[in-house]
Amino acid sequence: MSKDPDDARDRYIVPALAHGLAVLGLFSRERPTLTAPEICDALGLPRTSAFRLLLTLERADYLRRGSDERTFRLGPGVLNRGFAYLASLDLVDIAQPMLQKLRDETGLSAHMAVREGREIVYVARFSALTTVASNVHIGTRFPAHATVMGRMLLLDMDDAALKALFPERKLPAVTPQTPVTLAALKDVLAADRERGYAVSQSFFERGVSAVAAPVRDGFGRVAAAVNVTAVDTHIDNAALHGRIKDAVIETAREIGQWIAGPPAVARLSRASV
């Protein structure tokens, strides 16, 4: 009886690589996070082998640990290598787990918006886990010049582009803080640009504080903006410009990293030298 060609080729298979790919294959839209014991049980791997696989995949940015340090989820390195499912994800799908993590870390409502002309459109949202939460819904539109999210989306526009977008002599005012001339808007944007983020305390709506940051794609262009908002809650300036700002900027950076596709393999190779 002749041998099955597949059986003959099996001796050339690298078990560790096969196991690593099997680990990645466990994650799906229905199961975005898994613990190490769940991975061991699903693949029948010894715990020591699973630990080494998970550590290797994490170092290559194929996996990321959750905030609880027990769970794992797919990392941007997977997208960078062209996995078909992840490559088909749009910006909103990509941002969902990062926005949820931002909400959980800060306790505040987290959002993402994109710009359409002179308006911003909210495309993703995770409400604060409190009785008082943001009432902004997906699809909500606001004037770009009057919101900190909008300012992040206008951040890199030059004078000519801003003039074309806002040709009128006076811009609509929403609150006393709204820049009502193009010159005033440019001054605000210049300060935002230097800072790299924006903080609002009743800038758009009385009693609402917000921190926003731009999401940049692989070409460094502003693709979206993320923010957190606190409603009728006192948050001091130190927190807004400190831990909350840091969390928002990190979330924007991480979403942008998914868009850019980090050189995970190169980093792993350097680390192993």
Protein backbone atom coordinates (compact mmCIF):
# COMPACT_ATOMS: atom_id res chain seq x y z
CA MET A 1 0.00 0.00 0.00
CA SER A 2 1.42 3.37 -0.98
CA LYS A 3 1.82 6.09 1.61
CA ASP A 4 -0.48 9.09 1.59
CA PRO A 5 1.57 12.07 0.30
CA ASP A 6 0.12 14.21 3.10
CA ASP A 7 1.45 11.76 5.70
CA ALA A 8 4.90 11.95 4.12
CA ARG A 9 4.88 15.73 4.24
CA ASP A 10 3.82 15.83 7.88
CA ARG A 11 7.39 15.19 9.02
CA TYR A 12 8.38 18.59 7.61
CA ILE A 13 5.78 20.48 9.65
CA VAL A 14 7.14 22.72 12.42
CA PRO A 15 4.94 21.92 15.44
CA ALA A 16 5.58 25.20 17.27
CA LEU A 17 4.57 27.23 14.22
CA ALA A 18 1.46 25.11 13.71
CA HIS A 19 0.51 25.56 17.35
CA GLY A 20 1.08 29.32 17.16
CA LEU A 21 -1.19 29.62 14.13
CA ALA A 22 -3.76 27.45 15.88
CA VAL A 23 -3.72 29.85 18.84
CA LEU A 24 -4.44 32.81 16.55
CA GLY A 25 -7.18 30.83 14.85
CA LEU A 26 -9.08 30.50 18.14
CA PHE A 27 -9.94 34.20 18.20
CA SER A 28 -13.01 35.41 16.35
CA ARG A 29 -15.65 38.12 16.41
CA GLU A 30 -17.66 35.88 18.76
CA ARG A 31 -14.62 35.15 20.96
CA PRO A 32 -12.44 38.29 20.93
CA THR A 33 -10.67 37.45 24.20
CA LEU A 34 -9.37 34.19 25.69
CA THR A 35 -7.47 33.20 28.82
CA ALA A 36 -4.40 30.97 28.83
CA PRO A 37 -6.30 28.02 30.40
CA GLU A 38 -9.00 28.34 27.72
CA ILE A 39 -6.34 28.21 25.01
CA CYS A 40 -4.71 25.18 26.63
CA ASP A 41 -8.02 23.35 26.83
CA ALA A 42 -9.03 24.22 23.26
CA LEU A 43 -5.77 22.97 21.73
CA GLY A 44 -4.81 20.29 24.26
CA LEU A 45 -1.44 21.96 24.93
CA PRO A 46 0.66 21.60 28.09
CA ARG A 47 0.63 24.80 30.11
CA THR A 48 4.39 25.34 29.77
CA SER A 49 4.19 25.08 25.98
CA ALA A 50 1.18 27.40 25.87
CA PHE A 51 2.99 29.94 28.05
CA ARG A 52 5.98 30.05 25.68
CA LEU A 53 3.69 30.36 22.64
CA LEU A 54 1.68 33.18 24.20
CA LEU A 55 4.80 35.04 25.27
CA THR A 56 6.28 34.75 21.76
CA LEU A 57 3.06 35.90 20.08
CA GLU A 58 2.78 38.78 22.55
CA ARG A 59 6.37 39.90 21.88
CA ALA A 60 5.61 39.89 18.14
CA ASP A 61 2.48 42.00 18.81
CA TYR A 62 0.23 39.26 17.45
CA LEU A 63 -1.45 39.13 20.85
CA ARG A 64 -2.16 41.80 23.44
CA ARG A 65 -3.01 41.32 27.11
CA GLY A 66 -6.27 42.68 28.45
CA SER A 67 -6.36 45.21 31.28
CA ASP A 68 -6.87 42.34 33.75
CA GLU A 69 -3.57 40.73 32.61
CA ARG A 70 -5.39 37.36 32.40
CA THR A 71 -7.03 37.60 28.99
CA PHE A 72 -5.49 37.85 25.54
CA ARG A 73 -6.83 39.41 22.34
CA LEU A 74 -5.45 39.74 18.83
CA GLY A 75 -2.86 42.46 18.40
CA PRO A 76 -2.09 44.75 15.45
CA GLY A 77 0.77 42.51 14.32
CA VAL A 78 -1.86 40.12 12.98
CA LEU A 79 -3.32 42.82 10.77
CA ASN A 80 0.15 43.77 9.60
CA ARG A 81 0.72 40.24 8.27
CA GLY A 82 -2.40 40.37 6.14
CA PHE A 83 -4.80 37.97 7.83
CA ALA A 84 -7.89 38.12 5.64
CA TYR A 85 -10.47 38.59 8.37
CA LEU A 86 -8.67 41.42 10.13
CA ALA A 87 -7.65 43.08 6.90
CA SER A 88 -11.34 43.44 6.06
CA LEU A 89 -12.17 45.23 9.32
CA ASP A 90 -13.03 48.91 9.01
CA LEU A 91 -11.93 51.65 11.37
CA VAL A 92 -14.98 51.31 13.63
CA ASP A 93 -14.48 47.55 14.06
CA ILE A 94 -10.82 48.08 14.83
CA ALA A 95 -11.51 50.77 17.42
CA GLN A 96 -14.20 48.94 19.41
CA PRO A 97 -12.00 47.01 21.90
CA MET A 98 -9.69 49.99 22.46
CA LEU A 99 -12.61 52.34 23.13
CA GLN A 100 -14.17 49.86 25.53
CA LYS A 101 -10.85 49.58 27.36
CA LEU A 102 -10.62 53.39 27.52
CA ARG A 103 -14.11 53.55 29.03
CA ASP A 104 -13.24 50.87 31.57
CA GLU A 105 -9.93 52.52 32.54
CA THR A 106 -11.30 56.04 32.96
CA GLY A 107 -14.88 55.28 34.00
CA LEU A 108 -15.99 57.89 31.45
CA SER A 109 -17.97 57.63 28.22
CA ALA A 110 -15.64 56.99 25.26
CA HIS A 111 -16.36 57.95 21.65
CA MET A 112 -14.84 58.08 18.18
CA ALA A 113 -15.83 60.51 15.42
CA VAL A 114 -14.88 61.29 11.83
CA ARG A 115 -15.34 64.51 9.86
CA GLU A 116 -17.81 65.08 7.05
CA GLY A 117 -17.33 68.58 5.74
CA ARG A 118 -17.96 71.09 8.51
CA GLU A 119 -19.46 68.50 10.84
CA ILE A 120 -18.21 65.61 12.91
CA VAL A 121 -20.13 62.33 12.99
CA TYR A 122 -19.98 59.98 15.98
CA VAL A 123 -19.25 56.47 14.70
CA ALA A 124 -18.50 54.53 17.90
CA ARG A 125 -19.54 54.88 21.52
CA PHE A 126 -19.15 53.19 24.91
CA SER A 127 -21.25 54.78 27.65
CA ALA A 128 -19.94 55.27 31.16
CA LEU A 129 -21.02 52.57 33.59
CA THR A 130 -22.83 55.08 35.78
CA THR A 131 -26.31 56.52 36.05
CA VAL A 132 -25.02 59.77 34.50
CA ALA A 133 -23.57 59.11 31.05
CA SER A 134 -23.14 60.84 27.73
CA ASN A 135 -26.35 61.02 25.69
CA VAL A 136 -24.47 61.22 22.40
CA HIS A 137 -25.44 58.39 20.05
CA ILE A 138 -23.83 56.89 16.97
CA GLY A 139 -24.73 59.09 14.01
CA THR A 140 -24.92 62.29 16.08
CA ARG A 141 -23.52 65.31 14.25
CA PHE A 142 -21.94 68.44 15.72
CA PRO A 143 -20.22 71.48 14.17
CA ALA A 144 -16.52 70.75 13.89
CA HIS A 145 -15.27 74.19 14.93
CA ALA A 146 -17.31 74.13 18.16
CA THR A 147 -16.14 70.80 19.61
CA VAL A 148 -12.80 69.44 20.78
CA MET A 149 -13.34 66.30 18.66
CA GLY A 150 -13.87 68.56 15.66
CA ARG A 151 -10.75 70.53 16.43
CA MET A 152 -8.74 67.31 16.43
CA LEU A 153 -10.16 66.50 12.99
CA LEU A 154 -9.27 69.99 11.70
CA LEU A 155 -5.84 69.89 13.29
CA ASP A 156 -3.67 69.47 10.18
CA MET A 157 -5.64 71.61 7.73
CA ASP A 158 -3.65 74.52 6.29
CA ASP A 159 -4.92 78.11 6.03
CA ALA A 160 -6.28 77.65 2.50
CA ALA A 161 -8.22 74.51 3.41
CA LEU A 162 -9.67 76.13 6.53
CA LYS A 163 -10.67 79.23 4.57
CA ALA A 164 -12.43 77.06 1.97
CA LEU A 165 -14.27 75.17 4.73
CA PHE A 166 -15.23 78.28 6.71
CA PRO A 167 -15.54 81.15 4.20
CA GLU A 168 -17.99 83.27 6.23
CA ARG A 169 -16.89 86.25 8.33
CA LYS A 170 -18.52 84.94 11.53
CA LEU A 171 -18.86 81.32 12.60
CA PRO A 172 -21.92 80.05 14.52
CA ALA A 173 -21.49 80.28 18.30
CA VAL A 174 -22.68 77.41 20.49
CA THR A 175 -21.24 78.63 23.81
CA PRO A 176 -19.24 81.71 24.86
CA GLN A 177 -16.08 79.62 24.33
CA THR A 178 -16.78 78.85 20.65
CA PRO A 179 -14.27 80.49 18.26
CA VAL A 180 -16.49 82.67 16.08
CA THR A 181 -13.91 83.86 13.55
CA LEU A 182 -11.48 81.95 11.38
CA ALA A 183 -8.58 83.76 13.06
CA ALA A 184 -9.78 82.66 16.51
CA LEU A 185 -10.21 79.08 15.29
CA LYS A 186 -6.67 79.08 13.88
CA ASP A 187 -5.32 80.28 17.24
CA VAL A 188 -7.13 77.47 19.06
CA LEU A 189 -5.90 74.89 16.54
CA ALA A 190 -2.32 76.14 16.86
CA ALA A 191 -2.45 75.59 20.63
CA ASP A 192 -4.04 72.15 20.14
CA ARG A 193 -1.38 71.23 17.61
CA GLU A 194 1.42 72.15 19.99
CA ARG A 195 -0.24 70.26 22.85
CA GLY A 196 -1.25 67.21 20.80
CA TYR A 197 -4.65 66.93 22.45
CA ALA A 198 -7.54 69.14 23.58
CA VAL A 199 -9.40 69.58 26.85
CA SER A 200 -12.90 70.99 27.14
CA GLN A 201 -14.75 72.18 30.22
CA SER A 202 -18.21 73.32 29.07
CA PHE A 203 -16.64 74.25 25.70
CA PHE A 204 -19.57 72.77 23.76
CA GLU A 205 -22.14 71.89 26.39
CA ARG A 206 -22.59 73.25 29.91
CA GLY A 207 -21.58 70.75 32.60
CA VAL A 208 -19.66 68.48 30.22
CA SER A 209 -15.90 68.01 30.35
CA ALA A 210 -14.01 66.21 27.60
CA VAL A 211 -10.51 65.22 26.51
CA ALA A 212 -9.86 64.45 22.83
CA ALA A 213 -6.92 63.27 20.72
CA PRO A 214 -6.40 62.65 16.99
CA VAL A 215 -6.07 59.17 15.45
CA ARG A 216 -3.41 59.17 12.73
CA ASP A 217 -3.12 56.61 9.94
CA GLY A 218 0.05 55.06 8.51
CA PHE A 219 0.78 58.25 6.55
CA GLY A 220 0.47 60.46 9.62
CA ARG A 221 -2.86 61.89 8.49
CA VAL A 222 -5.70 62.50 10.93
CA ALA A 223 -8.23 59.74 10.22
CA ALA A 224 -10.51 60.09 13.26
CA ALA A 225 -10.66 61.49 16.77
CA VAL A 226 -11.38 59.86 20.12
CA ASN A 227 -12.54 61.39 23.37
CA VAL A 228 -13.89 60.73 26.81
CA THR A 229 -16.63 62.84 28.38
CA ALA A 230 -17.72 63.43 31.96
CA VAL A 231 -21.26 64.69 32.51
CA ASP A 232 -22.09 66.79 35.57
CA THR A 233 -19.03 65.43 37.31
CA HIS A 234 -16.23 67.52 38.78
CA ILE A 235 -12.86 66.48 37.38
CA ASP A 236 -9.93 68.70 38.25
CA ASN A 237 -7.47 70.03 35.71
CA ALA A 238 -4.69 67.80 37.00
CA ALA A 239 -6.70 64.68 36.10
CA LEU A 240 -7.90 66.04 32.75
CA HIS A 241 -4.37 66.99 31.70
CA GLY A 242 -2.82 63.97 33.44
CA ARG A 243 -4.04 60.38 33.69
CA ILE A 244 -7.18 60.93 31.60
CA LYS A 245 -5.28 62.70 28.84
CA ASP A 246 -2.64 59.96 28.86
CA ALA A 247 -5.32 57.27 28.48
CA VAL A 248 -7.01 59.08 25.57
CA ILE A 249 -3.72 59.69 23.75
CA GLU A 250 -2.67 56.06 24.21
CA THR A 251 -6.00 54.85 22.83
CA ALA A 252 -5.67 57.12 19.79
CA ARG A 253 -2.11 55.90 19.27
CA GLU A 254 -3.13 52.25 19.53
CA ILE A 255 -5.99 52.64 17.03
CA GLY A 256 -3.61 54.42 14.69
CA GLN A 257 -1.11 51.60 15.13
CA TRP A 258 -3.69 49.14 13.82
CA ILE A 259 -4.19 51.34 10.78
CA ALA A 260 -0.47 51.69 10.19
CA GLY A 261 0.47 48.05 10.84
CA PRO A 262 3.52 48.01 13.11
CA PRO A 263 6.76 46.22 12.11
CA ALA A 264 6.21 43.53 14.74
CA VAL A 265 8.47 40.93 13.18
CA ALA A 266 11.35 43.38 12.95
CA ARG A 267 10.95 44.29 16.61
CA LEU A 268 10.94 40.63 17.63
CA SER A 269 14.04 39.95 15.57
CA ARG A 270 15.91 42.84 17.22
CA ALA A 271 14.80 41.67 20.66
CA SER A 272 16.18 38.18 20.06
CA VAL A 273 19.66 39.31 18.95
